[in-house]
Structure formats: structure tokens, C-alpha cells
Amino acid sequence: MKKKSSAEKVCEPQTEYNLESLLPGGVQGKYVERYREGTNLILLEPDIARAFPTQEAVNNALRLVMQLSGIAKPSKVISASSPSKKRAA
């Protein structure tokens, strides 16, 4: 009788894993504070991502919206390429 090779065996996922056996010496939640401080992910719809391909473009657009709507005064200056800057005649 032929034995099944390891490729033919079906691996069933366990309902619960013991982290101590998987990561001996690991510390749970080691980076949780750093994660909470620096994570602010927002997923853009594809059409918006095409219109604003960089982080700088998104931030400048949102600062302009804030300025025009009076939500808050932006803390950074909008780049020189912005149409809201006055040009000398």
C-alpha cells in the first residue's frame, strides 16, 4: 500500500493556536502603542486615487477644502503650484 505524500495531505486549520509555541519569547502587544500613535489609514476609491496620486496631492487638496470651508486654519502652507497663491503682476 502506497503512503500519501506530504503534498497530498490536507492541512486543516486549527480552531485555536498557542502563541507561545509559535513565537517562543515573543511579547504580545509589543508595538501596540506605536501603532496607535502613527496609524491613520484611509482607503481612497480608485477614481480619487487617480486624481490624487501622491500623499502630498491629497494633503494639499484637503488643506484647500479646509481653508475654503472655514473648518480650520491649515497649519502648513499650500505649495507654490497651488492656484490659491497670488502672483505678482
PDB file of N, CA and C in Angstrom:
ATOM      1  N   MET A   1       0.836  -1.177   0.000  1.00  0.00           N
ATOM      2  CA  MET A   1       0.000   0.000   0.000  1.00  0.00           C
ATOM      3  C   MET A   1       0.882   1.243   0.000  1.00  0.00           C
ATOM      4  N   LYS A   2       0.545   2.191  -0.874  1.00  0.00           N
ATOM      5  CA  LYS A   2       1.348   3.399  -1.038  1.00  0.00           C
ATOM      6  C   LYS A   2       0.892   4.469  -0.044  1.00  0.00           C
ATOM      7  N   LYS A   3       1.869   5.109   0.621  1.00  0.00           N
ATOM      8  CA  LYS A   3       1.554   6.188   1.559  1.00  0.00           C
ATOM      9  C   LYS A   3       1.347   7.489   0.797  1.00  0.00           C
ATOM     10  N   LYS A   4       0.507   8.368   1.356  1.00  0.00           N
ATOM     11  CA  LYS A   4       0.280   9.668   0.743  1.00  0.00           C
ATOM     12  C   LYS A   4       1.506  10.553   0.975  1.00  0.00           C
ATOM     13  N   SER A   5       1.881  11.309  -0.050  1.00  0.00           N
ATOM     14  CA  SER A   5       2.988  12.247   0.112  1.00  0.00           C
ATOM     15  C   SER A   5       2.499  13.460   0.909  1.00  0.00           C
ATOM     16  N   SER A   6       3.428  14.247   1.390  1.00  0.00           N
ATOM     17  CA  SER A   6       3.052  15.412   2.193  1.00  0.00           C
ATOM     18  C   SER A   6       2.255  16.421   1.373  1.00  0.00           C
ATOM     19  N   ALA A   7       2.447  16.445   0.051  1.00  0.00           N
ATOM     20  CA  ALA A   7       1.705  17.364  -0.801  1.00  0.00           C
ATOM     21  C   ALA A   7       0.245  16.951  -0.921  1.00  0.00           C
ATOM     22  N   GLU A   8      -0.037  15.658  -0.757  1.00  0.00           N
ATOM     23  CA  GLU A   8      -1.408  15.174  -0.877  1.00  0.00           C
ATOM     24  C   GLU A   8      -2.196  15.295   0.420  1.00  0.00           C
ATOM     25  N   LYS A   9      -1.508  15.493   1.537  1.00  0.00           N
ATOM     26  CA  LYS A   9      -2.195  15.608   2.811  1.00  0.00           C
ATOM     27  C   LYS A   9      -2.927  16.946   2.888  1.00  0.00           C
ATOM     28  N   VAL A  10      -4.087  16.927   3.462  1.00  0.00           N
ATOM     29  CA  VAL A  10      -4.872  18.139   3.616  1.00  0.00           C
ATOM     30  C   VAL A  10      -4.626  18.690   5.014  1.00  0.00           C
ATOM     31  N   CYS A  11      -4.209  19.936   5.071  1.00  0.00           N
ATOM     32  CA  CYS A  11      -3.961  20.578   6.365  1.00  0.00           C
ATOM     33  C   CYS A  11      -5.210  21.330   6.790  1.00  0.00           C
ATOM     34  N   GLU A  12      -5.767  20.931   7.871  1.00  0.00           N
ATOM     35  CA  GLU A  12      -6.933  21.610   8.415  1.00  0.00           C
ATOM     36  C   GLU A  12      -6.470  22.714   9.366  1.00  0.00           C
ATOM     37  N   PRO A  13      -7.029  23.909   9.253  1.00  0.00           N
ATOM     38  CA  PRO A  13      -6.647  24.964  10.188  1.00  0.00           C
ATOM     39  C   PRO A  13      -7.154  24.637  11.595  1.00  0.00           C
ATOM     40  N   GLN A  14      -6.352  24.982  12.555  1.00  0.00           N
ATOM     41  CA  GLN A  14      -6.747  24.748  13.937  1.00  0.00           C
ATOM     42  C   GLN A  14      -7.733  25.813  14.361  1.00  0.00           C
ATOM     43  N   THR A  15      -8.587  25.486  15.292  1.00  0.00           N
ATOM     44  CA  THR A  15      -9.540  26.474  15.789  1.00  0.00           C
ATOM     45  C   THR A  15      -8.873  27.452  16.742  1.00  0.00           C
ATOM     46  N   GLU A  16      -7.765  27.041  17.324  1.00  0.00           N
ATOM     47  CA  GLU A  16      -7.053  27.910  18.256  1.00  0.00           C
ATOM     48  C   GLU A  16      -5.568  27.572  18.188  1.00  0.00           C
ATOM     49  N   TYR A  17      -4.730  28.604  18.237  1.00  0.00           N
ATOM     50  CA  TYR A  17      -3.290  28.406  18.182  1.00  0.00           C
ATOM     51  C   TYR A  17      -2.665  28.840  19.498  1.00  0.00           C
ATOM     52  N   ASN A  18      -1.618  28.155  19.899  1.00  0.00           N
ATOM     53  CA  ASN A  18      -0.870  28.518  21.095  1.00  0.00           C
ATOM     54  C   ASN A  18       0.293  29.402  20.655  1.00  0.00           C
ATOM     55  N   LEU A  19       0.210  30.706  20.946  1.00  0.00           N
ATOM     56  CA  LEU A  19       1.234  31.640  20.502  1.00  0.00           C
ATOM     57  C   LEU A  19       2.585  31.369  21.131  1.00  0.00           C
ATOM     58  N   GLU A  20       2.594  30.841  22.335  1.00  0.00           N
ATOM     59  CA  GLU A  20       3.864  30.560  22.995  1.00  0.00           C
ATOM     60  C   GLU A  20       4.658  29.501  22.240  1.00  0.00           C
ATOM     61  N   SER A  21       3.983  28.539  21.648  1.00  0.00           N
ATOM     62  CA  SER A  21       4.700  27.518  20.890  1.00  0.00           C
ATOM     63  C   SER A  21       5.111  28.044  19.509  1.00  0.00           C
ATOM     64  N   LEU A  22       4.330  28.979  18.955  1.00  0.00           N
ATOM     65  CA  LEU A  22       4.665  29.536  17.648  1.00  0.00           C
ATOM     66  C   LEU A  22       5.767  30.592  17.731  1.00  0.00           C
ATOM     67  N   LEU A  23       5.726  31.417  18.769  1.00  0.00           N
ATOM     68  CA  LEU A  23       6.701  32.501  18.945  1.00  0.00           C
ATOM     69  C   LEU A  23       7.289  32.442  20.352  1.00  0.00           C
ATOM     70  N   PRO A  24       8.186  31.518  20.586  1.00  0.00           N
ATOM     71  CA  PRO A  24       8.755  31.433  21.934  1.00  0.00           C
ATOM     72  C   PRO A  24       9.519  32.712  22.272  1.00  0.00           C
ATOM     73  N   GLY A  25       9.248  33.283  23.425  1.00  0.00           N
ATOM     74  CA  GLY A  25       9.911  34.517  23.850  1.00  0.00           C
ATOM     75  C   GLY A  25       9.273  35.775  23.296  1.00  0.00           C
ATOM     76  N   GLY A  26       8.198  35.640  22.547  1.00  0.00           N
ATOM     77  CA  GLY A  26       7.526  36.799  21.972  1.00  0.00           C
ATOM     78  C   GLY A  26       6.698  37.537  23.014  1.00  0.00           C
ATOM     79  N   VAL A  27       6.492  38.816  22.774  1.00  0.00           N
ATOM     80  CA  VAL A  27       5.720  39.653  23.688  1.00  0.00           C
ATOM     81  C   VAL A  27       4.479  40.130  22.946  1.00  0.00           C
ATOM     82  N   GLN A  28       3.312  39.823  23.494  1.00  0.00           N
ATOM     83  CA  GLN A  28       2.066  40.233  22.863  1.00  0.00           C
ATOM     84  C   GLN A  28       1.847  41.726  23.094  1.00  0.00           C
ATOM     85  N   GLY A  29       1.487  42.452  22.044  1.00  0.00           N
ATOM     86  CA  GLY A  29       1.204  43.874  22.154  1.00  0.00           C
ATOM     87  C   GLY A  29       2.439  44.741  22.263  1.00  0.00           C
ATOM     88  N   LYS A  30       3.577  44.258  21.842  1.00  0.00           N
ATOM     89  CA  LYS A  30       4.849  44.965  21.991  1.00  0.00           C
ATOM     90  C   LYS A  30       4.831  46.324  21.287  1.00  0.00           C
ATOM     91  N   TYR A  31       4.208  46.409  20.137  1.00  0.00           N
ATOM     92  CA  TYR A  31       4.218  47.640  19.350  1.00  0.00           C
ATOM     93  C   TYR A  31       2.853  48.316  19.281  1.00  0.00           C
ATOM     94  N   VAL A  32       1.938  47.960  20.144  1.00  0.00           N
ATOM     95  CA  VAL A  32       0.567  48.466  20.031  1.00  0.00           C
ATOM     96  C   VAL A  32       0.497  49.986  20.217  1.00  0.00           C
ATOM     97  N   GLU A  33       1.267  50.542  21.134  1.00  0.00           N
ATOM     98  CA  GLU A  33       1.231  51.991  21.343  1.00  0.00           C
ATOM     99  C   GLU A  33       1.787  52.732  20.135  1.00  0.00           C
ATOM    100  N   ARG A  34       2.890  52.247  19.586  1.00  0.00           N
ATOM    101  CA  ARG A  34       3.473  52.871  18.396  1.00  0.00           C
ATOM    102  C   ARG A  34       2.482  52.798  17.233  1.00  0.00           C
ATOM    103  N   TYR A  35       1.806  51.684  17.120  1.00  0.00           N
ATOM    104  CA  TYR A  35       0.807  51.502  16.067  1.00  0.00           C
ATOM    105  C   TYR A  35      -0.332  52.504  16.214  1.00  0.00           C
ATOM    106  N   ARG A  36      -0.841  52.642  17.416  1.00  0.00           N
ATOM    107  CA  ARG A  36      -1.966  53.554  17.649  1.00  0.00           C
ATOM    108  C   ARG A  36      -1.587  55.006  17.396  1.00  0.00           C
ATOM    109  N   GLU A  37      -0.367  55.395  17.707  1.00  0.00           N
ATOM    110  CA  GLU A  37       0.071  56.773  17.527  1.00  0.00           C
ATOM    111  C   GLU A  37       0.236  57.135  16.058  1.00  0.00           C
ATOM    112  N   GLY A  38       0.758  56.217  15.263  1.00  0.00           N
ATOM    113  CA  GLY A  38       1.141  56.575  13.908  1.00  0.00           C
ATOM    114  C   GLY A  38       0.285  56.036  12.793  1.00  0.00           C
ATOM    115  N   THR A  39      -0.802  55.401  13.082  1.00  0.00           N
ATOM    116  CA  THR A  39      -1.596  54.809  12.018  1.00  0.00           C
ATOM    117  C   THR A  39      -2.854  55.622  11.776  1.00  0.00           C
ATOM    118  N   ASN A  40      -2.992  56.051  10.539  1.00  0.00           N
ATOM    119  CA  ASN A  40      -4.185  56.773  10.131  1.00  0.00           C
ATOM    120  C   ASN A  40      -4.401  56.465   8.655  1.00  0.00           C
ATOM    121  N   LEU A  41      -4.808  55.253   8.375  1.00  0.00           N
ATOM    122  CA  LEU A  41      -5.000  54.827   7.000  1.00  0.00           C
ATOM    123  C   LEU A  41      -6.424  55.108   6.543  1.00  0.00           C
ATOM    124  N   ILE A  42      -6.504  55.633   5.344  1.00  0.00           N
ATOM    125  CA  ILE A  42      -7.802  55.876   4.721  1.00  0.00           C
ATOM    126  C   ILE A  42      -7.703  55.335   3.310  1.00  0.00           C
ATOM    127  N   LEU A  43      -8.603  54.463   2.936  1.00  0.00           N
ATOM    128  CA  LEU A  43      -8.595  53.898   1.592  1.00  0.00           C
ATOM    129  C   LEU A  43      -9.401  54.786   0.663  1.00  0.00           C
ATOM    130  N   LEU A  44      -8.777  55.151  -0.452  1.00  0.00           N
ATOM    131  CA  LEU A  44      -9.434  56.005  -1.431  1.00  0.00           C
ATOM    132  C   LEU A  44     -10.075  55.151  -2.515  1.00  0.00           C
ATOM    133  N   GLU A  45     -11.166  55.630  -3.038  1.00  0.00           N
ATOM    134  CA  GLU A  45     -11.791  54.980  -4.186  1.00  0.00           C
ATOM    135  C   GLU A  45     -10.844  55.132  -5.380  1.00  0.00           C
ATOM    136  N   PRO A  46     -10.881  54.212  -6.346  1.00  0.00           N
ATOM    137  CA  PRO A  46      -9.938  54.255  -7.467  1.00  0.00           C
ATOM    138  C   PRO A  46      -9.939  55.573  -8.244  1.00  0.00           C
ATOM    139  N   ASP A  47     -11.098  56.172  -8.473  1.00  0.00           N
ATOM    140  CA  ASP A  47     -11.135  57.431  -9.223  1.00  0.00           C
ATOM    141  C   ASP A  47     -10.473  58.567  -8.453  1.00  0.00           C
ATOM    142  N   ILE A  48     -10.632  58.571  -7.136  1.00  0.00           N
ATOM    143  CA  ILE A  48      -9.987  59.590  -6.304  1.00  0.00           C
ATOM    144  C   ILE A  48      -8.481  59.371  -6.281  1.00  0.00           C
ATOM    145  N   ALA A  49      -8.056  58.123  -6.182  1.00  0.00           N
ATOM    146  CA  ALA A  49      -6.627  57.808  -6.168  1.00  0.00           C
ATOM    147  C   ALA A  49      -5.960  58.217  -7.479  1.00  0.00           C
ATOM    148  N   ARG A  50      -6.666  58.103  -8.595  1.00  0.00           N
ATOM    149  CA  ARG A  50      -6.094  58.537  -9.874  1.00  0.00           C
ATOM    150  C   ARG A  50      -5.949  60.056  -9.911  1.00  0.00           C
ATOM    151  N   ALA A  51      -6.904  60.773  -9.344  1.00  0.00           N
ATOM    152  CA  ALA A  51      -6.858  62.231  -9.357  1.00  0.00           C
ATOM    153  C   ALA A  51      -5.803  62.776  -8.398  1.00  0.00           C
ATOM    154  N   PHE A  52      -5.552  62.061  -7.298  1.00  0.00           N
ATOM    155  CA  PHE A  52      -4.585  62.488  -6.293  1.00  0.00           C
ATOM    156  C   PHE A  52      -3.611  61.340  -6.040  1.00  0.00           C
ATOM    157  N   PRO A  53      -2.597  61.180  -6.900  1.00  0.00           N
ATOM    158  CA  PRO A  53      -1.732  60.004  -6.844  1.00  0.00           C
ATOM    159  C   PRO A  53      -0.708  59.989  -5.713  1.00  0.00           C
ATOM    160  N   THR A  54      -0.474  61.129  -5.063  1.00  0.00           N
ATOM    161  CA  THR A  54       0.540  61.161  -4.007  1.00  0.00           C
ATOM    162  C   THR A  54      -0.056  61.649  -2.701  1.00  0.00           C
ATOM    163  N   GLN A  55       0.650  61.369  -1.627  1.00  0.00           N
ATOM    164  CA  GLN A  55       0.239  61.833  -0.299  1.00  0.00           C
ATOM    165  C   GLN A  55       0.190  63.358  -0.275  1.00  0.00           C
ATOM    166  N   GLU A  56       1.160  63.996  -0.897  1.00  0.00           N
ATOM    167  CA  GLU A  56       1.215  65.460  -0.927  1.00  0.00           C
ATOM    168  C   GLU A  56       0.000  66.037  -1.646  1.00  0.00           C
ATOM    169  N   ALA A  57      -0.400  65.417  -2.750  1.00  0.00           N
ATOM    170  CA  ALA A  57      -1.555  65.897  -3.510  1.00  0.00           C
ATOM    171  C   ALA A  57      -2.840  65.797  -2.693  1.00  0.00           C
ATOM    172  N   VAL A  58      -3.000  64.703  -1.985  1.00  0.00           N
ATOM    173  CA  VAL A  58      -4.195  64.527  -1.137  1.00  0.00           C
ATOM    174  C   VAL A  58      -4.191  65.556  -0.014  1.00  0.00           C
ATOM    175  N   ASN A  59      -3.052  65.720   0.657  1.00  0.00           N
ATOM    176  CA  ASN A  59      -2.978  66.665   1.764  1.00  0.00           C
ATOM    177  C   ASN A  59      -3.224  68.098   1.307  1.00  0.00           C
ATOM    178  N   ASN A  60      -2.642  68.496   0.173  1.00  0.00           N
ATOM    179  CA  ASN A  60      -2.864  69.857  -0.331  1.00  0.00           C
ATOM    180  C   ASN A  60      -4.329  70.091  -0.681  1.00  0.00           C
ATOM    181  N   ALA A  61      -4.973  69.111  -1.295  1.00  0.00           N
ATOM    182  CA  ALA A  61      -6.384  69.252  -1.650  1.00  0.00           C
ATOM    183  C   ALA A  61      -7.245  69.387  -0.396  1.00  0.00           C
ATOM    184  N   LEU A  62      -6.963  68.569   0.605  1.00  0.00           N
ATOM    185  CA  LEU A  62      -7.752  68.641   1.834  1.00  0.00           C
ATOM    186  C   LEU A  62      -7.506  69.945   2.594  1.00  0.00           C
ATOM    187  N   ARG A  63      -6.271  70.439   2.578  1.00  0.00           N
ATOM    188  CA  ARG A  63      -5.993  71.733   3.224  1.00  0.00           C
ATOM    189  C   ARG A  63      -6.751  72.858   2.524  1.00  0.00           C
ATOM    190  N   LEU A  64      -6.826  72.784   1.203  1.00  0.00           N
ATOM    191  CA  LEU A  64      -7.570  73.793   0.452  1.00  0.00           C
ATOM    192  C   LEU A  64      -9.060  73.726   0.789  1.00  0.00           C
ATOM    193  N   VAL A  65      -9.600  72.532   0.879  1.00  0.00           N
ATOM    194  CA  VAL A  65     -11.013  72.368   1.265  1.00  0.00           C
ATOM    195  C   VAL A  65     -11.240  72.946   2.658  1.00  0.00           C
ATOM    196  N   MET A  66     -10.328  72.668   3.575  1.00  0.00           N
ATOM    197  CA  MET A  66     -10.446  73.199   4.941  1.00  0.00           C
ATOM    198  C   MET A  66     -10.420  74.727   4.927  1.00  0.00           C
ATOM    199  N   GLN A  67      -9.511  75.288   4.142  1.00  0.00           N
ATOM    200  CA  GLN A  67      -9.376  76.737   4.084  1.00  0.00           C
ATOM    201  C   GLN A  67     -10.629  77.375   3.486  1.00  0.00           C
ATOM    202  N   LEU A  68     -11.135  76.809   2.411  1.00  0.00           N
ATOM    203  CA  LEU A  68     -12.301  77.378   1.742  1.00  0.00           C
ATOM    204  C   LEU A  68     -13.578  77.217   2.556  1.00  0.00           C
ATOM    205  N   SER A  69     -13.678  76.144   3.301  1.00  0.00           N
ATOM    206  CA  SER A  69     -14.903  75.902   4.061  1.00  0.00           C
ATOM    207  C   SER A  69     -14.857  76.519   5.449  1.00  0.00           C
ATOM    208  N   GLY A  70     -13.677  76.948   5.869  1.00  0.00           N
ATOM    209  CA  GLY A  70     -13.549  77.546   7.195  1.00  0.00           C
ATOM    210  C   GLY A  70     -13.562  76.525   8.309  1.00  0.00           C
ATOM    211  N   ILE A  71     -13.298  75.261   7.999  1.00  0.00           N
ATOM    212  CA  ILE A  71     -13.272  74.214   9.022  1.00  0.00           C
ATOM    213  C   ILE A  71     -12.190  74.504  10.035  1.00  0.00           C
ATOM    214  N   ALA A  72     -10.998  74.743   9.551  1.00  0.00           N
ATOM    215  CA  ALA A  72      -9.866  75.043  10.420  1.00  0.00           C
ATOM    216  C   ALA A  72      -8.799  75.700   9.586  1.00  0.00           C
ATOM    217  N   LYS A  73      -7.963  76.454  10.250  1.00  0.00           N
ATOM    218  CA  LYS A  73      -6.860  77.092   9.550  1.00  0.00           C
ATOM    219  C   LYS A  73      -5.759  76.062   9.350  1.00  0.00           C
ATOM    220  N   PRO A  74      -5.316  75.850   8.105  1.00  0.00           N
ATOM    221  CA  PRO A  74      -4.272  74.853   7.877  1.00  0.00           C
ATOM    222  C   PRO A  74      -2.968  75.252   8.557  1.00  0.00           C
ATOM    223  N   SER A  75      -2.268  74.252   9.091  1.00  0.00           N
ATOM    224  CA  SER A  75      -1.030  74.520   9.803  1.00  0.00           C
ATOM    225  C   SER A  75       0.159  74.588   8.859  1.00  0.00           C
ATOM    226  N   LYS A  76       0.012  74.087   7.650  1.00  0.00           N
ATOM    227  CA  LYS A  76       1.094  74.121   6.668  1.00  0.00           C
ATOM    228  C   LYS A  76       0.689  74.982   5.490  1.00  0.00           C
ATOM    229  N   VAL A  77       1.679  75.541   4.834  1.00  0.00           N
ATOM    230  CA  VAL A  77       1.429  76.376   3.664  1.00  0.00           C
ATOM    231  C   VAL A  77       1.238  75.482   2.451  1.00  0.00           C
ATOM    232  N   ILE A  78       0.245  75.805   1.637  1.00  0.00           N
ATOM    233  CA  ILE A  78      -0.004  75.057   0.413  1.00  0.00           C
ATOM    234  C   ILE A  78       1.119  75.355  -0.559  1.00  0.00           C
ATOM    235  N   SER A  79       1.542  74.377  -1.331  1.00  0.00           N
ATOM    236  CA  SER A  79       2.697  74.514  -2.214  1.00  0.00           C
ATOM    237  C   SER A  79       2.523  75.641  -3.222  1.00  0.00           C
ATOM    238  N   ALA A  80       3.633  76.095  -3.794  1.00  0.00           N
ATOM    239  CA  ALA A  80       3.638  77.217  -4.733  1.00  0.00           C
ATOM    240  C   ALA A  80       2.848  76.930  -5.991  1.00  0.00           C
ATOM    241  N   SER A  81       2.663  75.665  -6.328  1.00  0.00           N
ATOM    242  CA  SER A  81       1.914  75.319  -7.535  1.00  0.00           C
ATOM    243  C   SER A  81       0.399  75.434  -7.332  1.00  0.00           C
ATOM    244  N   SER A  82      -0.007  75.755  -6.131  1.00  0.00           N
ATOM    245  CA  SER A  82      -1.433  75.870  -5.826  1.00  0.00           C
ATOM    246  C   SER A  82      -2.028  77.092  -6.487  1.00  0.00           C
ATOM    247  N   PRO A  83      -3.248  77.019  -7.039  1.00  0.00           N
ATOM    248  CA  PRO A  83      -3.879  78.153  -7.690  1.00  0.00           C
ATOM    249  C   PRO A  83      -4.308  79.233  -6.712  1.00  0.00           C
ATOM    250  N   SER A  84      -4.308  78.960  -5.416  1.00  0.00           N
ATOM    251  CA  SER A  84      -4.772  79.943  -4.456  1.00  0.00           C
ATOM    252  C   SER A  84      -3.699  80.973  -4.099  1.00  0.00           C
ATOM    253  N   LYS A  85      -2.453  80.749  -4.515  1.00  0.00           N
ATOM    254  CA  LYS A  85      -1.379  81.703  -4.247  1.00  0.00           C
ATOM    255  C   LYS A  85      -1.516  82.889  -5.198  1.00  0.00           C
ATOM    256  N   LYS A  86      -1.292  84.108  -4.687  1.00  0.00           N
ATOM    257  CA  LYS A  86      -1.324  85.302  -5.526  1.00  0.00           C
ATOM    258  C   LYS A  86      -0.006  85.424  -6.268  1.00  0.00           C
ATOM    259  N   ARG A  87      -0.078  85.825  -7.514  1.00  0.00           N
ATOM    260  CA  ARG A  87       1.121  86.012  -8.322  1.00  0.00           C
ATOM    261  C   ARG A  87       1.314  87.491  -8.593  1.00  0.00           C
ATOM    262  N   ALA A  88       2.583  87.903  -8.613  1.00  0.00           N
ATOM    263  CA  ALA A  88       2.907  89.311  -8.887  1.00  0.00           C
ATOM    264  C   ALA A  88       2.637  89.617 -10.349  1.00  0.00           C
ATOM    265  N   ALA A  89       2.089  90.807 -10.615  1.00  0.00           N
ATOM    266  CA  ALA A  89       1.752  91.170 -11.991  1.00  0.00           C
ATOM    267  C   ALA A  89       2.875  91.874 -12.684  1.00  0.00           C
TER     268      ALA A  89
END
